[in-house]
Amino acid sequence: MKVIIIEDEPLVCDYLVSLISKLRTKLEIVATLDTVKSAVQWFTNNSAPDLAFMDIRLADGLSFEIFENCVVPCPVIFTTAYDEYAIKAFKVHSIDYLLKPVTLEMLEAALQKFKTIQTTQTGFVNKQLLPHLASEIKTGYKTRFVVKVGEHLRMIPIEQIAYFYSHEKSTWIGTTDGRQYPIEQFIDAVEDCVDSTRYFRINRKYLIAIDAIEDVVVYSGSRLMVKLPHCSTDNTIVSRERVVEFRKWMEG
């Protein structure tokens, strides 16, 4: 069985590849892609695979946009970090999905389901469903992030994340208990997929949680310094152009 993987997080993609290699059903991975654009090009210029694994939120948009720009002639298993409330449309329309981090058991069960489906293409191709499904996801926010700890993948619930920050071209999570983990996403992409009422981009490097704020101090005239747990205040100064918006955000 030939499959493709469409996933923009290299860590998650590598992990999924390793899981596939352990399946009882032998799958041949013919392509790994990370954007809507590259997926559209691939489907347009290649013969149909038997199955596709697709992350919902890709580097350049939602994977739903792939269906809007080309024919996807195969069943799809979606992989997502969203809770069920944000993907209820998948249940309604019988589209399979796997909640990250994916396990071998979850993967085996999803493949067994697709073996029983006597069709060569997913009902998701119905363009009348696309706007509805896209709106379901766009109104949802990530509730956890997947990080690598040694040889394992670990889920960090959003409630445990005090801030995100950029350092030497990498993005890191700072947790409420003082731990730090690198993630495979740029901070701009992180900002787009978390709740803006809960997280605020105070400057180019820091995206902070309102619940993590310990104190806000007037610093150098009209500028503000935010104190966060287990974090140096050297980098948590609100940019001058963001001060007014930051004050409004704190007020709710």
C-alpha atoms as a PDB file:
ATOM      1  CA  MET A   1       0.000   0.000   0.000  1.00  0.00           C
ATOM      2  CA  LYS A   2       1.444   3.365  -1.074  1.00  0.00           C
ATOM      3  CA  VAL A   3       0.944   6.357   1.234  1.00  0.00           C
ATOM      4  CA  ILE A   4       1.972   9.983   1.473  1.00  0.00           C
ATOM      5  CA  ILE A   5       2.447  12.099   4.596  1.00  0.00           C
ATOM      6  CA  ILE A   6       1.560  15.797   4.650  1.00  0.00           C
ATOM      7  CA  GLU A   7       2.902  17.255   7.906  1.00  0.00           C
ATOM      8  CA  ASP A   8       4.762  20.514   8.566  1.00  0.00           C
ATOM      9  CA  GLU A   9       6.383  19.542  11.875  1.00  0.00           C
ATOM     10  CA  PRO A  10       9.557  17.543  11.075  1.00  0.00           C
ATOM     11  CA  LEU A  11       9.582  15.943  14.524  1.00  0.00           C
ATOM     12  CA  VAL A  12       6.035  14.649  14.140  1.00  0.00           C
ATOM     13  CA  CYS A  13       6.667  13.569  10.544  1.00  0.00           C
ATOM     14  CA  ASP A  14       9.733  11.536  11.538  1.00  0.00           C
ATOM     15  CA  TYR A  15       7.797   9.953  14.390  1.00  0.00           C
ATOM     16  CA  LEU A  16       4.918   8.974  12.093  1.00  0.00           C
ATOM     17  CA  VAL A  17       7.389   7.450   9.629  1.00  0.00           C
ATOM     18  CA  SER A  18       8.887   5.370  12.441  1.00  0.00           C
ATOM     19  CA  LEU A  19       5.427   4.162  13.524  1.00  0.00           C
ATOM     20  CA  ILE A  20       4.510   3.190   9.978  1.00  0.00           C
ATOM     21  CA  SER A  21       7.649   1.055   9.770  1.00  0.00           C
ATOM     22  CA  LYS A  22       6.351  -0.961  12.749  1.00  0.00           C
ATOM     23  CA  LEU A  23       2.893  -1.714  11.336  1.00  0.00           C
ATOM     24  CA  ARG A  24       1.816  -5.255  10.549  1.00  0.00           C
ATOM     25  CA  THR A  25       0.504  -3.910   7.245  1.00  0.00           C
ATOM     26  CA  LYS A  26       3.483  -2.890   5.154  1.00  0.00           C
ATOM     27  CA  LEU A  27       3.170   0.637   3.800  1.00  0.00           C
ATOM     28  CA  GLU A  28       5.428   2.310   1.268  1.00  0.00           C
ATOM     29  CA  ILE A  29       5.874   6.029   1.908  1.00  0.00           C
ATOM     30  CA  VAL A  30       6.159   7.595  -1.543  1.00  0.00           C
ATOM     31  CA  ALA A  31       6.317  11.240  -0.424  1.00  0.00           C
ATOM     32  CA  THR A  32       6.504  13.481   2.648  1.00  0.00           C
ATOM     33  CA  LEU A  33       5.238  17.050   2.119  1.00  0.00           C
ATOM     34  CA  ASP A  34       4.896  20.041   4.425  1.00  0.00           C
ATOM     35  CA  THR A  35       2.761  22.676   2.683  1.00  0.00           C
ATOM     36  CA  VAL A  36      -0.539  23.086   0.883  1.00  0.00           C
ATOM     37  CA  LYS A  37       1.326  24.236  -2.230  1.00  0.00           C
ATOM     38  CA  SER A  38       3.642  21.217  -2.385  1.00  0.00           C
ATOM     39  CA  ALA A  39       0.713  18.831  -1.781  1.00  0.00           C
ATOM     40  CA  VAL A  40      -1.320  20.360  -4.622  1.00  0.00           C
ATOM     41  CA  GLN A  41       1.669  20.052  -6.946  1.00  0.00           C
ATOM     42  CA  TRP A  42       2.260  16.458  -5.926  1.00  0.00           C
ATOM     43  CA  PHE A  43      -1.346  15.321  -6.412  1.00  0.00           C
ATOM     44  CA  THR A  44      -1.471  17.121  -9.761  1.00  0.00           C
ATOM     45  CA  ASN A  45       1.677  15.489 -11.134  1.00  0.00           C
ATOM     46  CA  ASN A  46       1.680  11.991  -9.607  1.00  0.00           C
ATOM     47  CA  SER A  47      -0.458   8.886  -9.681  1.00  0.00           C
ATOM     48  CA  ALA A  48      -2.830   8.401  -6.777  1.00  0.00           C
ATOM     49  CA  PRO A  49      -1.511   6.781  -3.585  1.00  0.00           C
ATOM     50  CA  ASP A  50      -3.687   4.371  -1.631  1.00  0.00           C
ATOM     51  CA  LEU A  51      -3.859   6.599   1.444  1.00  0.00           C
ATOM     52  CA  ALA A  52      -2.784  10.034   2.688  1.00  0.00           C
ATOM     53  CA  PHE A  53      -1.981  11.218   6.202  1.00  0.00           C
ATOM     54  CA  MET A  54      -2.662  14.954   6.546  1.00  0.00           C
ATOM     55  CA  ASP A  55      -2.050  17.374   9.371  1.00  0.00           C
ATOM     56  CA  ILE A  56      -4.831  19.978   9.524  1.00  0.00           C
ATOM     57  CA  ARG A  57      -2.779  23.128   9.983  1.00  0.00           C
ATOM     58  CA  LEU A  58       0.183  23.342   7.609  1.00  0.00           C
ATOM     59  CA  ALA A  59       2.917  25.935   7.217  1.00  0.00           C
ATOM     60  CA  ASP A  60       1.011  27.872   4.539  1.00  0.00           C
ATOM     61  CA  GLY A  61      -2.622  27.233   5.472  1.00  0.00           C
ATOM     62  CA  LEU A  62      -5.208  24.569   6.308  1.00  0.00           C
ATOM     63  CA  SER A  63      -5.016  21.211   4.566  1.00  0.00           C
ATOM     64  CA  PHE A  64      -8.635  21.739   3.450  1.00  0.00           C
ATOM     65  CA  GLU A  65      -7.225  24.113   0.851  1.00  0.00           C
ATOM     66  CA  ILE A  66      -5.605  21.148  -0.883  1.00  0.00           C
ATOM     67  CA  PHE A  67      -9.066  19.814  -1.752  1.00  0.00           C
ATOM     68  CA  GLU A  68     -10.087  23.211  -3.071  1.00  0.00           C
ATOM     69  CA  ASN A  69      -7.182  23.324  -5.517  1.00  0.00           C
ATOM     70  CA  CYS A  70      -6.916  19.770  -6.825  1.00  0.00           C
ATOM     71  CA  VAL A  71      -8.491  16.329  -6.777  1.00  0.00           C
ATOM     72  CA  VAL A  72      -7.380  14.148  -3.865  1.00  0.00           C
ATOM     73  CA  PRO A  73      -8.164  10.663  -5.242  1.00  0.00           C
ATOM     74  CA  CYS A  74      -7.554   8.644  -2.080  1.00  0.00           C
ATOM     75  CA  PRO A  75      -8.838   8.211   1.472  1.00  0.00           C
ATOM     76  CA  VAL A  76      -7.361  10.557   4.067  1.00  0.00           C
ATOM     77  CA  ILE A  77      -6.492  10.096   7.728  1.00  0.00           C
ATOM     78  CA  PHE A  78      -6.162  13.461   9.417  1.00  0.00           C
ATOM     79  CA  THR A  79      -3.707  13.976  12.256  1.00  0.00           C
ATOM     80  CA  THR A  80      -4.424  16.855  14.591  1.00  0.00           C
ATOM     81  CA  ALA A  81      -3.588  18.416  17.937  1.00  0.00           C
ATOM     82  CA  TYR A  82      -7.146  19.728  18.347  1.00  0.00           C
ATOM     83  CA  ASP A  83      -9.583  18.438  20.933  1.00  0.00           C
ATOM     84  CA  GLU A  84     -12.784  16.776  19.762  1.00  0.00           C
ATOM     85  CA  TYR A  85     -14.947  19.872  20.203  1.00  0.00           C
ATOM     86  CA  ALA A  86     -12.989  21.552  17.418  1.00  0.00           C
ATOM     87  CA  ILE A  87     -13.248  18.634  15.019  1.00  0.00           C
ATOM     88  CA  LYS A  88     -16.822  17.470  15.553  1.00  0.00           C
ATOM     89  CA  ALA A  89     -17.429  17.798  11.806  1.00  0.00           C
ATOM     90  CA  PHE A  90     -15.123  14.852  11.260  1.00  0.00           C
ATOM     91  CA  LYS A  91     -17.392  12.599  13.294  1.00  0.00           C
ATOM     92  CA  VAL A  92     -20.512  13.859  11.572  1.00  0.00           C
ATOM     93  CA  HIS A  93     -19.133  13.145   8.118  1.00  0.00           C
ATOM     94  CA  SER A  94     -17.350   9.891   9.052  1.00  0.00           C
ATOM     95  CA  ILE A  95     -13.858  11.169   8.248  1.00  0.00           C
ATOM     96  CA  ASP A  96     -11.197   9.465  10.309  1.00  0.00           C
ATOM     97  CA  TYR A  97      -8.679  11.399  12.360  1.00  0.00           C
ATOM     98  CA  LEU A  98      -5.926  10.696  14.881  1.00  0.00           C
ATOM     99  CA  LEU A  99      -5.274  12.956  17.840  1.00  0.00           C
ATOM    100  CA  LYS A 100      -1.580  13.717  18.342  1.00  0.00           C
ATOM    101  CA  PRO A 101       0.609  12.203  19.542  1.00  0.00           C
ATOM    102  CA  VAL A 102      -0.351   9.225  17.415  1.00  0.00           C
ATOM    103  CA  THR A 103       0.267   5.755  18.843  1.00  0.00           C
ATOM    104  CA  LEU A 104       0.850   2.483  17.041  1.00  0.00           C
ATOM    105  CA  GLU A 105      -2.510   1.175  18.307  1.00  0.00           C
ATOM    106  CA  MET A 106      -4.338   4.243  16.975  1.00  0.00           C
ATOM    107  CA  LEU A 107      -2.647   3.853  13.620  1.00  0.00           C
ATOM    108  CA  GLU A 108      -3.523   0.150  13.369  1.00  0.00           C
ATOM    109  CA  ALA A 109      -7.175   0.874  14.188  1.00  0.00           C
ATOM    110  CA  ALA A 110      -7.426   3.654  11.607  1.00  0.00           C
ATOM    111  CA  LEU A 111      -5.931   1.465   8.899  1.00  0.00           C
ATOM    112  CA  GLN A 112      -8.338  -1.337   9.741  1.00  0.00           C
ATOM    113  CA  LYS A 113     -11.234   1.083   9.335  1.00  0.00           C
ATOM    114  CA  PHE A 114     -10.037   2.130   5.890  1.00  0.00           C
ATOM    115  CA  LYS A 115      -9.632  -1.475   4.808  1.00  0.00           C
ATOM    116  CA  THR A 116     -13.370  -1.893   5.321  1.00  0.00           C
ATOM    117  CA  ILE A 117     -14.289   1.121   3.206  1.00  0.00           C
ATOM    118  CA  GLN A 118     -14.993   0.046  -0.359  1.00  0.00           C
ATOM    119  CA  THR A 119     -14.170   3.354  -2.049  1.00  0.00           C
ATOM    120  CA  THR A 120     -11.243   4.975  -3.752  1.00  0.00           C
ATOM    121  CA  GLN A 121     -11.886   8.480  -2.533  1.00  0.00           C
ATOM    122  CA  THR A 122     -12.996  10.194   0.643  1.00  0.00           C
ATOM    123  CA  GLY A 123     -16.376  11.884   0.933  1.00  0.00           C
ATOM    124  CA  PHE A 124     -14.489  14.946   2.094  1.00  0.00           C
ATOM    125  CA  VAL A 125     -13.935  15.854  -1.554  1.00  0.00           C
ATOM    126  CA  ASN A 126     -17.511  17.151  -1.600  1.00  0.00           C
ATOM    127  CA  LYS A 127     -16.797  20.884  -1.956  1.00  0.00           C
ATOM    128  CA  GLN A 128     -20.076  21.792  -0.261  1.00  0.00           C
ATOM    129  CA  LEU A 129     -18.594  20.546   3.011  1.00  0.00           C
ATOM    130  CA  LEU A 130     -15.316  22.456   2.770  1.00  0.00           C
ATOM    131  CA  PRO A 131     -16.451  25.880   4.064  1.00  0.00           C
ATOM    132  CA  HIS A 132     -18.269  24.253   6.985  1.00  0.00           C
ATOM    133  CA  LEU A 133     -15.347  22.061   7.989  1.00  0.00           C
ATOM    134  CA  ALA A 134     -12.807  24.852   7.567  1.00  0.00           C
ATOM    135  CA  SER A 135     -14.805  27.145   9.839  1.00  0.00           C
ATOM    136  CA  GLU A 136     -14.964  24.419  12.490  1.00  0.00           C
ATOM    137  CA  ILE A 137     -11.181  24.275  12.651  1.00  0.00           C
ATOM    138  CA  LYS A 138     -10.513  27.986  12.305  1.00  0.00           C
ATOM    139  CA  THR A 139     -12.594  28.673  15.398  1.00  0.00           C
ATOM    140  CA  GLY A 140     -10.635  26.131  17.432  1.00  0.00           C
ATOM    141  CA  TYR A 141      -7.238  26.540  19.063  1.00  0.00           C
ATOM    142  CA  LYS A 142      -4.472  24.108  19.875  1.00  0.00           C
ATOM    143  CA  THR A 143      -4.904  22.605  23.300  1.00  0.00           C
ATOM    144  CA  ARG A 144      -1.531  20.858  23.502  1.00  0.00           C
ATOM    145  CA  PHE A 145       1.901  20.837  21.906  1.00  0.00           C
ATOM    146  CA  VAL A 146       3.996  17.756  21.176  1.00  0.00           C
ATOM    147  CA  VAL A 147       7.661  17.836  22.212  1.00  0.00           C
ATOM    148  CA  LYS A 148      10.470  15.316  22.060  1.00  0.00           C
ATOM    149  CA  VAL A 149      12.008  14.131  25.335  1.00  0.00           C
ATOM    150  CA  GLY A 150      14.828  11.715  24.593  1.00  0.00           C
ATOM    151  CA  GLU A 151      13.333   9.012  22.381  1.00  0.00           C
ATOM    152  CA  HIS A 152       9.768   9.811  23.424  1.00  0.00           C
ATOM    153  CA  LEU A 153       7.084  12.276  22.384  1.00  0.00           C
ATOM    154  CA  ARG A 154       5.361  14.096  25.212  1.00  0.00           C
ATOM    155  CA  MET A 155       2.202  16.218  25.233  1.00  0.00           C
ATOM    156  CA  ILE A 156       2.343  19.610  26.950  1.00  0.00           C
ATOM    157  CA  PRO A 157      -1.196  20.886  27.689  1.00  0.00           C
ATOM    158  CA  ILE A 158      -1.720  24.557  26.864  1.00  0.00           C
ATOM    159  CA  GLU A 159      -2.603  25.179  30.528  1.00  0.00           C
ATOM    160  CA  GLN A 160       0.981  24.316  31.486  1.00  0.00           C
ATOM    161  CA  ILE A 161       2.609  26.727  29.018  1.00  0.00           C
ATOM    162  CA  ALA A 162       3.579  30.059  30.573  1.00  0.00           C
ATOM    163  CA  TYR A 163       5.203  31.446  27.447  1.00  0.00           C
ATOM    164  CA  PHE A 164       6.723  30.707  24.051  1.00  0.00           C
ATOM    165  CA  TYR A 165       9.972  32.343  23.011  1.00  0.00           C
ATOM    166  CA  SER A 166      12.433  32.480  20.130  1.00  0.00           C
ATOM    167  CA  HIS A 167      16.117  31.803  20.663  1.00  0.00           C
ATOM    168  CA  GLU A 168      18.804  31.350  18.006  1.00  0.00           C
ATOM    169  CA  LYS A 169      16.287  30.654  15.206  1.00  0.00           C
ATOM    170  CA  SER A 170      14.404  28.084  17.309  1.00  0.00           C
ATOM    171  CA  THR A 171      11.123  28.292  19.215  1.00  0.00           C
ATOM    172  CA  TRP A 172      10.854  27.092  22.793  1.00  0.00           C
ATOM    173  CA  ILE A 173       8.092  26.413  25.321  1.00  0.00           C
ATOM    174  CA  GLY A 174       8.489  27.647  28.886  1.00  0.00           C
ATOM    175  CA  THR A 175       6.218  25.745  31.288  1.00  0.00           C
ATOM    176  CA  THR A 176       4.728  26.904  34.562  1.00  0.00           C
ATOM    177  CA  ASP A 177       7.039  24.537  36.473  1.00  0.00           C
ATOM    178  CA  GLY A 178      10.176  25.951  34.864  1.00  0.00           C
ATOM    179  CA  ARG A 179      10.847  23.357  32.163  1.00  0.00           C
ATOM    180  CA  GLN A 180      11.792  24.310  28.624  1.00  0.00           C
ATOM    181  CA  TYR A 181      11.256  22.348  25.418  1.00  0.00           C
ATOM    182  CA  PRO A 182      12.046  23.143  21.773  1.00  0.00           C
ATOM    183  CA  ILE A 183       9.203  22.840  19.255  1.00  0.00           C
ATOM    184  CA  GLU A 184       9.266  22.546  15.461  1.00  0.00           C
ATOM    185  CA  GLN A 185       7.283  25.719  14.744  1.00  0.00           C
ATOM    186  CA  PHE A 186       8.130  29.365  14.228  1.00  0.00           C
ATOM    187  CA  ILE A 187       6.702  31.659  16.870  1.00  0.00           C
ATOM    188  CA  ASP A 188       4.592  33.443  14.221  1.00  0.00           C
ATOM    189  CA  ALA A 189       2.847  30.136  13.459  1.00  0.00           C
ATOM    190  CA  VAL A 190       2.349  29.446  17.167  1.00  0.00           C
ATOM    191  CA  GLU A 191       0.721  32.847  17.615  1.00  0.00           C
ATOM    192  CA  ASP A 192      -1.813  31.993  14.894  1.00  0.00           C
ATOM    193  CA  CYS A 193      -2.965  28.753  16.538  1.00  0.00           C
ATOM    194  CA  VAL A 194      -3.366  29.769  20.204  1.00  0.00           C
ATOM    195  CA  ASP A 195      -6.214  31.704  21.799  1.00  0.00           C
ATOM    196  CA  SER A 196      -5.457  35.428  21.514  1.00  0.00           C
ATOM    197  CA  THR A 197      -7.474  36.146  24.653  1.00  0.00           C
ATOM    198  CA  ARG A 198      -5.077  33.917  26.539  1.00  0.00           C
ATOM    199  CA  TYR A 199      -1.728  34.615  24.837  1.00  0.00           C
ATOM    200  CA  PHE A 200      -0.200  37.926  23.774  1.00  0.00           C
ATOM    201  CA  ARG A 201       2.897  38.690  21.681  1.00  0.00           C
ATOM    202  CA  ILE A 202       4.653  41.297  23.843  1.00  0.00           C
ATOM    203  CA  ASN A 203       7.647  41.639  21.526  1.00  0.00           C
ATOM    204  CA  ARG A 204       9.384  39.908  18.628  1.00  0.00           C
ATOM    205  CA  LYS A 205      10.652  37.077  20.830  1.00  0.00           C
ATOM    206  CA  TYR A 206       8.002  36.429  23.486  1.00  0.00           C
ATOM    207  CA  LEU A 207       4.402  35.191  23.397  1.00  0.00           C
ATOM    208  CA  ILE A 208       3.080  35.059  26.971  1.00  0.00           C
ATOM    209  CA  ALA A 209       0.089  33.612  28.833  1.00  0.00           C
ATOM    210  CA  ILE A 210      -2.072  35.970  30.841  1.00  0.00           C
ATOM    211  CA  ASP A 211      -2.321  33.451  33.691  1.00  0.00           C
ATOM    212  CA  ALA A 212       1.481  33.354  33.972  1.00  0.00           C
ATOM    213  CA  ILE A 213       1.936  37.080  34.611  1.00  0.00           C
ATOM    214  CA  GLU A 214       3.300  37.633  38.125  1.00  0.00           C
ATOM    215  CA  ASP A 215       3.738  41.386  37.880  1.00  0.00           C
ATOM    216  CA  VAL A 216       3.827  44.256  35.387  1.00  0.00           C
ATOM    217  CA  VAL A 217       6.231  47.091  36.142  1.00  0.00           C
ATOM    218  CA  VAL A 218       6.485  50.496  34.487  1.00  0.00           C
ATOM    219  CA  TYR A 219       9.886  50.515  32.828  1.00  0.00           C
ATOM    220  CA  SER A 220      11.753  53.368  31.171  1.00  0.00           C
ATOM    221  CA  GLY A 221       8.942  55.864  30.797  1.00  0.00           C
ATOM    222  CA  SER A 222       5.860  54.434  29.110  1.00  0.00           C
ATOM    223  CA  ARG A 223       7.282  50.969  28.490  1.00  0.00           C
ATOM    224  CA  LEU A 224       6.317  47.941  30.583  1.00  0.00           C
ATOM    225  CA  MET A 225       8.265  45.005  31.987  1.00  0.00           C
ATOM    226  CA  VAL A 226       6.427  41.713  32.539  1.00  0.00           C
ATOM    227  CA  LYS A 227       7.548  39.297  35.240  1.00  0.00           C
ATOM    228  CA  LEU A 228       6.966  35.625  34.420  1.00  0.00           C
ATOM    229  CA  PRO A 229       7.797  32.474  36.414  1.00  0.00           C
ATOM    230  CA  HIS A 230      11.293  31.074  35.825  1.00  0.00           C
ATOM    231  CA  CYS A 231      12.038  33.738  33.210  1.00  0.00           C
ATOM    232  CA  SER A 232      14.509  36.624  33.086  1.00  0.00           C
ATOM    233  CA  THR A 233      12.919  40.064  32.743  1.00  0.00           C
ATOM    234  CA  ASP A 234      15.695  41.115  30.357  1.00  0.00           C
ATOM    235  CA  ASN A 235      13.637  39.804  27.420  1.00  0.00           C
ATOM    236  CA  THR A 236      10.091  40.390  28.650  1.00  0.00           C
ATOM    237  CA  ILE A 237       9.743  44.104  27.993  1.00  0.00           C
ATOM    238  CA  VAL A 238       6.618  45.010  26.050  1.00  0.00           C
ATOM    239  CA  SER A 239       7.490  46.651  22.745  1.00  0.00           C
ATOM    240  CA  ARG A 240       6.675  50.355  22.717  1.00  0.00           C
ATOM    241  CA  GLU A 241       4.210  49.953  19.836  1.00  0.00           C
ATOM    242  CA  ARG A 242       2.384  47.161  21.682  1.00  0.00           C
ATOM    243  CA  VAL A 243       1.905  48.818  25.076  1.00  0.00           C
ATOM    244  CA  VAL A 244      -1.581  50.226  24.428  1.00  0.00           C
ATOM    245  CA  GLU A 245      -2.840  46.939  22.959  1.00  0.00           C
ATOM    246  CA  PHE A 246      -1.241  45.009  25.822  1.00  0.00           C
ATOM    247  CA  ARG A 247      -3.109  47.116  28.392  1.00  0.00           C
ATOM    248  CA  LYS A 248      -6.405  46.450  26.604  1.00  0.00           C
ATOM    249  CA  TRP A 249      -5.601  42.719  26.463  1.00  0.00           C
ATOM    250  CA  MET A 250      -4.998  42.616  30.225  1.00  0.00           C
ATOM    251  CA  GLU A 251      -8.368  44.258  30.837  1.00  0.00           C
ATOM    252  CA  GLY A 252     -10.095  41.492  28.847  1.00  0.00           C
END
